[in-house]
């Protein structure tokens, strides 16, 4: 399973996941988040502190065209 698929499956539960959880899958998790967003996934960035964030999948947008 690719790193992107692992991150997508982790986020699929709809719960917030910390950067620490995501970095355990891949150190380049921000690139994976970016790629998933480009595919239409709505992933919210939730600030936890000044330099710490969590990520939550809210939905998969429908892309036309």
Protein backbone atom coordinates (compact mmCIF):
# COMPACT_ATOMS: atom_id res chain seq x y z
CA UNK A 1 0.00 0.00 0.00
CA UNK A 2 1.37 3.42 -0.95
CA UNK A 3 2.07 6.14 1.61
CA UNK A 4 -0.77 8.19 0.09
CA UNK A 5 -3.20 5.31 0.54
CA UNK A 6 -2.03 4.80 4.13
CA UNK A 7 -2.64 8.49 4.94
CA UNK A 8 -6.02 8.43 3.18
CA UNK A 9 -7.09 5.35 5.15
CA UNK A 10 -5.91 6.92 8.41
CA UNK A 11 -7.93 10.08 7.73
CA UNK A 12 -10.97 8.12 6.49
CA UNK A 13 -12.31 7.72 10.03
CA UNK A 14 -13.23 11.43 9.99
CA UNK A 15 -11.35 12.11 13.23
CA UNK A 16 -8.53 14.67 13.62
CA UNK A 17 -5.03 13.19 13.38
CA UNK A 18 -1.93 14.98 14.62
CA UNK A 19 1.10 15.70 12.50
CA UNK A 20 2.96 13.23 14.73
CA UNK A 21 0.56 10.45 13.70
CA UNK A 22 0.98 11.34 10.04
CA UNK A 23 4.76 11.62 10.22
CA UNK A 24 4.79 8.05 11.55
CA UNK A 25 3.48 7.05 8.10
CA UNK A 26 5.74 9.36 6.06
CA UNK A 27 7.92 12.37 6.78
CA UNK A 28 6.51 13.95 3.61
CA UNK A 29 2.92 13.81 4.84
CA UNK A 30 2.32 17.46 3.84
CA UNK A 31 2.98 16.54 0.19
CA UNK A 32 0.53 13.66 0.53
CA UNK A 33 -2.09 15.97 2.08
CA UNK A 34 -1.55 18.41 -0.81
CA UNK A 35 -1.95 15.63 -3.36
CA UNK A 36 -5.16 14.36 -1.73
CA UNK A 37 -6.56 17.89 -1.73
CA UNK A 38 -5.77 18.19 -5.44
CA UNK A 39 -7.76 14.97 -5.97
CA UNK A 40 -10.76 16.62 -4.32
CA UNK A 41 -10.48 15.46 -0.72
CA UNK A 42 -11.46 18.16 1.76
CA UNK A 43 -8.90 17.98 4.53
CA UNK A 44 -9.13 20.55 7.29
CA UNK A 45 -6.05 21.85 9.08
CA UNK A 46 -6.79 22.31 12.77
CA UNK A 47 -4.37 24.41 14.85
CA UNK A 48 -3.45 22.77 18.16
CA UNK A 49 -0.76 25.22 19.20
CA UNK A 50 1.47 27.81 17.55
CA UNK A 51 3.46 25.18 15.60
CA UNK A 52 1.33 22.04 15.94
CA UNK A 53 -1.59 21.03 13.75
CA UNK A 54 -4.05 18.19 13.25
CA UNK A 55 -5.64 17.15 9.99
CA UNK A 56 -9.18 15.92 9.47
CA UNK A 57 -10.89 14.57 6.37
CA UNK A 58 -14.27 16.25 6.09
CA UNK A 59 -15.41 14.84 2.73
CA UNK A 60 -14.50 13.92 -0.81
CA UNK A 61 -15.64 16.70 -3.12
CA UNK A 62 -17.21 15.85 -6.44
CA UNK A 63 -15.07 17.16 -9.28
CA UNK A 64 -16.68 17.75 -12.65
CA UNK A 65 -14.90 18.24 -15.93
